Amino acid sequence: MKIQSLPFDSELFGYPVAKQEVIGDWNELEFLKKAEKFNLVYLFSKSPLYFQDPRILFLNKKIVFKKSLKKRKEIDHQVIRHSKTEFLPSLYSLAFQSGAYSRFYVDSRLKHQEFEKMYTAWMDRALDEDEILVVNDFSGMVTYSVEENEASIGLLAVAKEKRGLGLGSALVHAVEEESIKSGAEFILIPTQDTNKAACQLYQKLGYTKVDETYVYHFMKKRLV
């Protein structure tokens, strides 16, 4: 059982961060010995973990939805590609809204703006790589990436006052269209099992759940 140090997260948060993929038998004592040199460790497991140490906290189940991109979709006229030359604080506000069920937001022990730092970094990267689509009045946005024949959606959000108008569906369809143009044959969307609205939307749009992962955080101590 090997713990992998995460240099990017460590630099972003200002303390040692690592992750652990639990494969096979779970040994809590062995894990705790290896985790002691890190302030924060992400734990991922395909089955529930049983533990006694209160520094380990279950946060949610990560759900991954998948859809084959065999049928072309017409891109919604409300959705456009955003130019990275224009800085819009509203896009970052939407990014934060997209993380309402994120483990970085749900874990109340993270008191040093870890959630804001991580989601800002994700938005910065999406803008740098020109991988963001927005509703033309900037009331919704989605980030995505395409690698070879696989596309994936990152952040998806619609402003609270515009929800229920079909903008979430329009954004997903726009990503599908752009992904097909880039040669993708299927698309993946990760979310959390607690995000019931998102899960229902993706299933309505023809996506199938293909994977789930139990997510935990270990914190060595409460940061002050």
Protein backbone atom coordinates (compact mmCIF):
# COMPACT_ATOMS: atom_id res chain seq x y z
CA MET A 1 0.00 0.00 0.00
CA LYS A 2 1.81 3.08 -1.28
CA ILE A 3 0.99 6.72 -0.56
CA GLN A 4 1.68 9.06 -3.47
CA SER A 5 2.86 12.58 -2.72
CA LEU A 6 1.03 15.34 -4.65
CA PRO A 7 3.42 18.25 -5.36
CA PHE A 8 0.78 20.43 -7.07
CA ASP A 9 -1.73 20.18 -4.22
CA SER A 10 1.03 20.57 -1.63
CA GLU A 11 2.27 23.81 -3.19
CA LEU A 12 -1.26 25.11 -3.69
CA PHE A 13 -2.34 24.47 -0.09
CA GLY A 14 1.00 25.22 1.57
CA TYR A 15 1.40 21.88 3.38
CA PRO A 16 2.18 18.23 2.46
CA VAL A 17 -0.64 16.49 0.58
CA ALA A 18 -0.80 12.93 -0.77
CA LYS A 19 -3.27 10.35 -2.05
CA GLN A 20 -3.83 6.66 -1.48
CA GLU A 21 -5.62 4.29 -3.85
CA VAL A 22 -6.83 1.43 -1.67
CA ILE A 23 -6.42 -1.81 -3.60
CA GLY A 24 -6.88 -5.15 -1.88
CA ASP A 25 -7.07 -5.48 1.89
CA TRP A 26 -7.33 -2.26 3.92
CA ASN A 27 -4.91 -2.00 6.85
CA GLU A 28 -5.68 1.10 8.89
CA LEU A 29 -2.60 0.88 11.14
CA GLU A 30 -0.25 0.48 8.20
CA PHE A 31 -1.87 3.44 6.46
CA LEU A 32 -1.63 5.67 9.54
CA LYS A 33 2.11 5.00 9.87
CA LYS A 34 2.74 6.05 6.26
CA ALA A 35 0.36 9.03 6.43
CA GLU A 36 2.03 10.72 9.40
CA LYS A 37 4.35 12.88 7.28
CA PHE A 38 1.41 14.43 5.42
CA ASN A 39 -1.13 16.94 6.66
CA LEU A 40 -3.79 15.75 4.23
CA VAL A 41 -4.24 12.44 2.40
CA TYR A 42 -7.01 11.67 -0.08
CA LEU A 43 -8.24 8.09 0.20
CA PHE A 44 -10.02 6.41 -2.71
CA SER A 45 -11.59 2.95 -2.50
CA LYS A 46 -13.97 0.86 -4.61
CA SER A 47 -15.57 -0.49 -1.45
CA PRO A 48 -16.36 1.05 1.96
CA LEU A 49 -13.45 1.37 4.39
CA TYR A 50 -13.85 0.53 8.05
CA PHE A 51 -11.70 2.57 10.42
CA GLN A 52 -11.46 3.82 13.99
CA ASP A 53 -9.19 6.85 13.76
CA PRO A 54 -11.34 10.03 13.86
CA ARG A 55 -8.85 11.81 11.59
CA ILE A 56 -10.25 9.76 8.69
CA LEU A 57 -13.53 11.14 7.37
CA PHE A 58 -15.86 9.72 4.73
CA LEU A 59 -17.00 12.50 2.39
CA ASN A 60 -18.98 11.09 -0.53
CA LYS A 61 -19.06 8.64 -3.39
CA LYS A 62 -17.63 9.83 -6.69
CA ILE A 63 -19.88 8.73 -9.55
CA VAL A 64 -18.73 8.60 -13.17
CA PHE A 65 -21.26 8.69 -16.01
CA LYS A 66 -20.45 7.70 -19.59
CA LYS A 67 -22.08 8.17 -22.99
CA SER A 68 -21.17 7.12 -26.51
CA LEU A 69 -20.94 10.02 -28.97
CA LYS A 70 -22.36 8.35 -32.02
CA LYS A 71 -25.10 10.87 -32.78
CA ARG A 72 -24.30 14.48 -33.52
CA LYS A 73 -25.99 17.25 -31.57
CA GLU A 74 -26.67 20.75 -32.81
CA ILE A 75 -24.83 23.20 -30.59
CA ASP A 76 -27.29 25.40 -28.70
CA HIS A 77 -27.36 28.98 -29.94
CA GLN A 78 -27.15 30.17 -26.33
CA VAL A 79 -23.76 28.52 -25.79
CA ILE A 80 -20.50 30.04 -27.04
CA ARG A 81 -16.79 29.44 -26.57
CA HIS A 82 -15.25 31.85 -24.09
CA SER A 83 -12.12 33.77 -25.06
CA LYS A 84 -9.40 33.62 -22.43
CA THR A 85 -8.48 37.21 -23.28
CA GLU A 86 -11.49 38.42 -21.28
CA PHE A 87 -11.33 38.01 -17.51
CA LEU A 88 -14.75 37.58 -15.95
CA PRO A 89 -15.10 37.16 -12.18
CA SER A 90 -18.58 35.74 -12.76
CA LEU A 91 -17.02 32.62 -14.30
CA TYR A 92 -15.06 31.97 -11.13
CA SER A 93 -18.23 32.49 -9.09
CA LEU A 94 -19.93 29.84 -11.23
CA ALA A 95 -16.94 27.54 -10.73
CA PHE A 96 -17.39 27.82 -6.97
CA GLN A 97 -21.10 27.06 -7.34
CA SER A 98 -20.22 23.92 -9.31
CA GLY A 99 -18.29 22.65 -6.29
CA ALA A 100 -21.16 22.75 -3.79
CA TYR A 101 -20.87 18.97 -3.31
CA SER A 102 -17.09 18.82 -3.68
CA ARG A 103 -15.06 17.01 -1.02
CA PHE A 104 -12.98 20.17 -0.66
CA TYR A 105 -16.15 22.07 0.25
CA VAL A 106 -17.81 19.34 2.32
CA ASP A 107 -14.76 18.72 4.53
CA SER A 108 -15.26 21.41 7.17
CA ARG A 109 -11.75 20.82 8.54
CA LEU A 110 -10.27 22.60 5.52
CA LYS A 111 -10.08 26.13 6.88
CA HIS A 112 -7.44 27.70 4.62
CA GLN A 113 -9.47 28.31 1.47
CA GLU A 114 -8.43 24.98 -0.02
CA PHE A 115 -11.74 24.78 -1.90
CA GLU A 116 -11.35 28.24 -3.44
CA LYS A 117 -7.69 27.64 -4.29
CA MET A 118 -8.39 24.34 -6.04
CA TYR A 119 -11.37 25.54 -8.05
CA THR A 120 -9.58 28.73 -9.05
CA ALA A 121 -6.66 26.63 -10.30
CA TRP A 122 -9.02 24.39 -12.28
CA MET A 123 -10.67 27.42 -13.89
CA ASP A 124 -7.30 29.01 -14.69
CA ARG A 125 -6.21 25.84 -16.48
CA ALA A 126 -9.48 25.56 -18.44
CA LEU A 127 -9.15 29.17 -19.59
CA ASP A 128 -5.49 28.73 -20.51
CA GLU A 129 -6.28 25.66 -22.58
CA ASP A 130 -9.37 27.22 -24.20
CA GLU A 131 -11.62 24.48 -22.84
CA ILE A 132 -14.62 26.39 -21.55
CA LEU A 133 -18.07 27.02 -23.01
CA VAL A 134 -20.48 29.59 -21.60
CA VAL A 135 -24.10 30.63 -21.96
CA ASN A 136 -24.05 33.87 -23.95
CA ASP A 137 -25.22 35.95 -20.97
CA PHE A 138 -22.65 34.20 -18.73
CA SER A 139 -25.34 32.63 -16.57
CA GLY A 140 -23.79 29.19 -17.02
CA MET A 141 -20.50 27.56 -17.95
CA VAL A 142 -18.85 24.19 -18.45
CA THR A 143 -15.21 23.12 -18.67
CA TYR A 144 -14.10 20.04 -20.56
CA SER A 145 -11.12 18.32 -22.11
CA VAL A 146 -10.54 15.92 -25.00
CA GLU A 147 -7.69 13.42 -25.14
CA GLU A 148 -7.57 11.11 -28.15
CA ASN A 149 -11.04 9.51 -28.36
CA GLU A 150 -12.14 10.38 -24.81
CA ALA A 151 -13.80 13.59 -23.65
CA SER A 152 -14.58 14.54 -20.06
CA ILE A 153 -16.52 17.31 -18.38
CA GLY A 154 -14.88 19.05 -15.42
CA LEU A 155 -16.93 21.88 -13.92
CA LEU A 156 -20.56 22.58 -14.79
CA ALA A 157 -22.71 25.28 -13.24
CA VAL A 158 -25.78 27.40 -13.94
CA ALA A 159 -26.58 30.54 -11.96
CA LYS A 160 -29.26 29.92 -9.33
CA GLU A 161 -31.72 32.36 -10.88
CA LYS A 162 -31.48 30.60 -14.28
CA ARG A 163 -31.86 27.00 -13.17
CA GLY A 164 -34.76 24.95 -14.51
CA LEU A 165 -34.56 26.56 -17.97
CA GLY A 166 -32.63 23.80 -19.70
CA LEU A 167 -29.27 25.54 -19.65
CA GLY A 168 -27.52 22.58 -18.03
CA SER A 169 -28.68 20.34 -20.87
CA ALA A 170 -27.62 22.94 -23.43
CA LEU A 171 -24.12 23.11 -21.96
CA VAL A 172 -23.72 19.32 -21.95
CA HIS A 173 -24.96 19.09 -25.55
CA ALA A 174 -22.51 21.81 -26.55
CA VAL A 175 -19.63 19.85 -25.04
CA GLU A 176 -20.79 16.74 -26.88
CA GLU A 177 -20.77 18.63 -30.19
CA GLU A 178 -17.34 20.13 -29.61
CA SER A 179 -15.98 16.77 -28.47
CA ILE A 180 -17.21 15.03 -31.61
CA LYS A 181 -15.49 17.70 -33.71
CA SER A 182 -12.28 16.94 -31.82
CA GLY A 183 -12.53 13.22 -32.55
CA ALA A 184 -13.96 11.94 -29.26
CA GLU A 185 -16.04 8.76 -29.39
CA PHE A 186 -17.36 8.87 -25.84
CA ILE A 187 -17.59 11.27 -22.93
CA LEU A 188 -17.23 10.91 -19.16
CA ILE A 189 -18.79 13.09 -16.46
CA PRO A 190 -17.75 12.73 -12.80
CA THR A 191 -19.97 13.97 -9.99
CA GLN A 192 -20.93 13.06 -6.42
CA ASP A 193 -23.74 10.72 -5.39
CA THR A 194 -25.07 13.48 -3.13
CA ASN A 195 -25.56 15.75 -6.16
CA LYS A 196 -28.95 14.27 -7.00
CA ALA A 197 -29.90 16.96 -9.52
CA ALA A 198 -26.74 16.38 -11.57
CA CYS A 199 -27.15 12.60 -11.50
CA GLN A 200 -30.75 12.90 -12.69
CA LEU A 201 -29.74 15.32 -15.46
CA TYR A 202 -27.02 13.08 -16.85
CA GLN A 203 -29.27 10.02 -16.81
CA LYS A 204 -31.99 12.02 -18.57
CA LEU A 205 -29.44 12.94 -21.27
CA GLY A 206 -28.60 9.30 -21.91
CA TYR A 207 -25.58 8.82 -19.66
CA THR A 208 -24.99 5.56 -17.79
CA LYS A 209 -23.23 5.16 -14.46
CA VAL A 210 -20.03 3.19 -15.07
CA ASP A 211 -17.99 3.66 -11.90
CA GLU A 212 -18.21 4.71 -8.27
CA THR A 213 -15.48 5.40 -5.73
CA TYR A 214 -15.69 5.95 -1.98
CA VAL A 215 -13.79 9.13 -1.07
CA TYR A 216 -12.20 9.88 2.31
CA HIS A 217 -9.83 12.49 3.74
CA PHE A 218 -7.22 11.86 6.41
CA MET A 219 -6.03 14.99 8.24
CA LYS A 220 -3.04 14.70 10.50
CA LYS A 221 -4.17 17.58 12.65
CA ARG A 222 -6.55 20.53 12.56
CA LEU A 223 -4.74 23.36 10.83
CA VAL A 224 -4.75 26.74 12.56
